[in-house]
Amino acid sequence: MFKERITTWKKSQIGQTSGYEYERSFTSMIQEIEEEVFQTMTSTNLKDKNKKKL
């Protein structure tokens, strides 16, 4: 998941000459990854590790 996005981002930055655009695109990519991780971690189908065992 992360490796693919970072690899794709690196490929898109080949020939990039603007430091501003480089940093902006990196920040955008990281925010997308953060949102995806947050959605995964807050989904309802995860097990509750603190649930009482019967």
N, C-alpha and C. Protein backbone atom coordinates (compact mmCIF):
# COMPACT_ATOMS: atom_id res chain seq x y z
N MET A 1 0.84 -1.19 0.00
CA MET A 1 0.00 0.00 0.00
C MET A 1 0.89 1.25 0.00
N PHE A 2 1.75 1.37 0.99
CA PHE A 2 2.59 2.56 1.09
C PHE A 2 3.71 2.54 0.06
N LYS A 3 4.28 1.38 -0.09
CA LYS A 3 5.42 1.25 -0.99
C LYS A 3 5.02 1.64 -2.42
N GLU A 4 3.84 1.21 -2.84
CA GLU A 4 3.34 1.54 -4.18
C GLU A 4 3.17 3.04 -4.35
N ARG A 5 2.57 3.68 -3.37
CA ARG A 5 2.35 5.12 -3.47
C ARG A 5 3.65 5.91 -3.49
N ILE A 6 4.59 5.51 -2.66
CA ILE A 6 5.87 6.21 -2.60
C ILE A 6 6.63 6.00 -3.90
N THR A 7 6.61 4.79 -4.43
CA THR A 7 7.28 4.51 -5.70
C THR A 7 6.66 5.33 -6.83
N THR A 8 5.34 5.38 -6.87
CA THR A 8 4.65 6.18 -7.89
C THR A 8 5.01 7.65 -7.75
N TRP A 9 5.04 8.14 -6.52
CA TRP A 9 5.38 9.55 -6.29
C TRP A 9 6.80 9.84 -6.73
N LYS A 10 7.74 8.95 -6.39
CA LYS A 10 9.14 9.15 -6.78
C LYS A 10 9.27 9.23 -8.30
N LYS A 11 8.56 8.34 -8.99
CA LYS A 11 8.61 8.35 -10.46
C LYS A 11 8.04 9.65 -11.02
N SER A 12 7.03 10.19 -10.37
CA SER A 12 6.41 11.42 -10.86
C SER A 12 7.30 12.64 -10.62
N GLN A 13 8.29 12.50 -9.76
CA GLN A 13 9.17 13.62 -9.43
C GLN A 13 10.45 13.66 -10.27
N ILE A 14 10.61 12.71 -11.16
CA ILE A 14 11.80 12.71 -12.02
C ILE A 14 11.75 13.97 -12.89
N GLY A 15 12.81 14.72 -12.86
CA GLY A 15 12.89 15.96 -13.63
C GLY A 15 12.28 17.16 -12.94
N GLN A 16 11.83 16.99 -11.72
CA GLN A 16 11.22 18.09 -10.96
C GLN A 16 12.32 19.11 -10.61
N THR A 17 12.09 20.35 -10.95
CA THR A 17 13.09 21.38 -10.68
C THR A 17 12.65 22.37 -9.61
N SER A 18 11.37 22.35 -9.28
CA SER A 18 10.85 23.28 -8.29
C SER A 18 10.79 22.62 -6.91
N GLY A 19 11.52 23.18 -5.97
CA GLY A 19 11.48 22.66 -4.61
C GLY A 19 10.11 22.78 -3.99
N TYR A 20 9.41 23.87 -4.35
CA TYR A 20 8.06 24.09 -3.82
C TYR A 20 7.12 22.99 -4.29
N GLU A 21 7.13 22.67 -5.57
CA GLU A 21 6.25 21.63 -6.11
C GLU A 21 6.61 20.25 -5.56
N TYR A 22 7.90 20.00 -5.38
CA TYR A 22 8.36 18.74 -4.81
C TYR A 22 7.80 18.56 -3.41
N GLU A 23 7.94 19.58 -2.58
CA GLU A 23 7.46 19.50 -1.21
C GLU A 23 5.94 19.45 -1.15
N ARG A 24 5.28 20.23 -2.01
CA ARG A 24 3.81 20.23 -2.03
C ARG A 24 3.27 18.85 -2.40
N SER A 25 3.86 18.23 -3.42
CA SER A 25 3.37 16.92 -3.85
C SER A 25 3.68 15.85 -2.79
N PHE A 26 4.82 15.96 -2.11
CA PHE A 26 5.16 15.02 -1.05
C PHE A 26 4.15 15.14 0.09
N THR A 27 3.86 16.36 0.50
CA THR A 27 2.91 16.60 1.58
C THR A 27 1.53 16.05 1.22
N SER A 28 1.12 16.27 0.00
CA SER A 28 -0.18 15.78 -0.46
C SER A 28 -0.23 14.26 -0.42
N MET A 29 0.83 13.60 -0.88
CA MET A 29 0.88 12.15 -0.88
C MET A 29 0.84 11.61 0.54
N ILE A 30 1.58 12.22 1.45
CA ILE A 30 1.59 11.78 2.85
C ILE A 30 0.21 11.95 3.48
N GLN A 31 -0.47 13.05 3.19
CA GLN A 31 -1.81 13.27 3.74
C GLN A 31 -2.79 12.22 3.25
N GLU A 32 -2.67 11.81 1.99
CA GLU A 32 -3.54 10.76 1.46
C GLU A 32 -3.29 9.44 2.18
N ILE A 33 -2.02 9.14 2.42
CA ILE A 33 -1.67 7.91 3.15
C ILE A 33 -2.22 7.98 4.57
N GLU A 34 -2.08 9.13 5.23
CA GLU A 34 -2.59 9.29 6.59
C GLU A 34 -4.09 9.08 6.65
N GLU A 35 -4.82 9.62 5.67
CA GLU A 35 -6.27 9.45 5.63
C GLU A 35 -6.64 7.99 5.44
N GLU A 36 -5.91 7.30 4.57
CA GLU A 36 -6.19 5.89 4.34
C GLU A 36 -5.92 5.05 5.59
N VAL A 37 -4.83 5.34 6.28
CA VAL A 37 -4.52 4.63 7.52
C VAL A 37 -5.60 4.91 8.56
N PHE A 38 -6.02 6.16 8.69
CA PHE A 38 -7.05 6.52 9.65
C PHE A 38 -8.35 5.78 9.35
N GLN A 39 -8.74 5.74 8.08
CA GLN A 39 -9.96 5.03 7.70
C GLN A 39 -9.85 3.54 8.02
N THR A 40 -8.70 2.97 7.78
CA THR A 40 -8.49 1.55 8.07
C THR A 40 -8.57 1.28 9.57
N MET A 41 -7.94 2.15 10.34
CA MET A 41 -7.90 1.94 11.78
C MET A 41 -9.23 2.21 12.47
N THR A 42 -10.08 2.99 11.86
CA THR A 42 -11.37 3.30 12.49
C THR A 42 -12.52 2.50 11.90
N SER A 43 -12.22 1.57 11.00
CA SER A 43 -13.29 0.76 10.43
C SER A 43 -13.87 -0.15 11.51
N THR A 44 -15.12 -0.51 11.36
CA THR A 44 -15.82 -1.26 12.40
C THR A 44 -15.52 -2.75 12.36
N ASN A 45 -14.87 -3.25 11.33
CA ASN A 45 -14.63 -4.68 11.26
C ASN A 45 -13.29 -5.10 11.87
N LEU A 46 -12.65 -4.23 12.62
CA LEU A 46 -11.44 -4.60 13.34
C LEU A 46 -11.83 -5.24 14.66
N LYS A 47 -11.01 -6.17 15.14
CA LYS A 47 -11.27 -6.81 16.42
C LYS A 47 -10.96 -5.86 17.56
N ASP A 48 -11.74 -5.93 18.59
CA ASP A 48 -11.48 -5.15 19.79
C ASP A 48 -10.57 -5.97 20.70
N LYS A 49 -9.30 -5.56 20.81
CA LYS A 49 -8.34 -6.33 21.59
C LYS A 49 -8.64 -6.30 23.08
N ASN A 50 -9.47 -5.37 23.54
CA ASN A 50 -9.79 -5.25 24.96
C ASN A 50 -11.13 -5.92 25.31
N LYS A 51 -11.73 -6.58 24.34
CA LYS A 51 -13.01 -7.21 24.58
C LYS A 51 -12.85 -8.37 25.57
N LYS A 52 -13.81 -8.47 26.49
CA LYS A 52 -13.76 -9.50 27.52
C LYS A 52 -13.95 -10.88 26.89
N LYS A 53 -13.07 -11.78 27.26
CA LYS A 53 -13.16 -13.16 26.75
C LYS A 53 -14.16 -13.92 27.60
N LEU A 54 -15.00 -14.70 26.95
CA LEU A 54 -16.00 -15.49 27.65
C LEU A 54 -15.60 -16.93 27.79
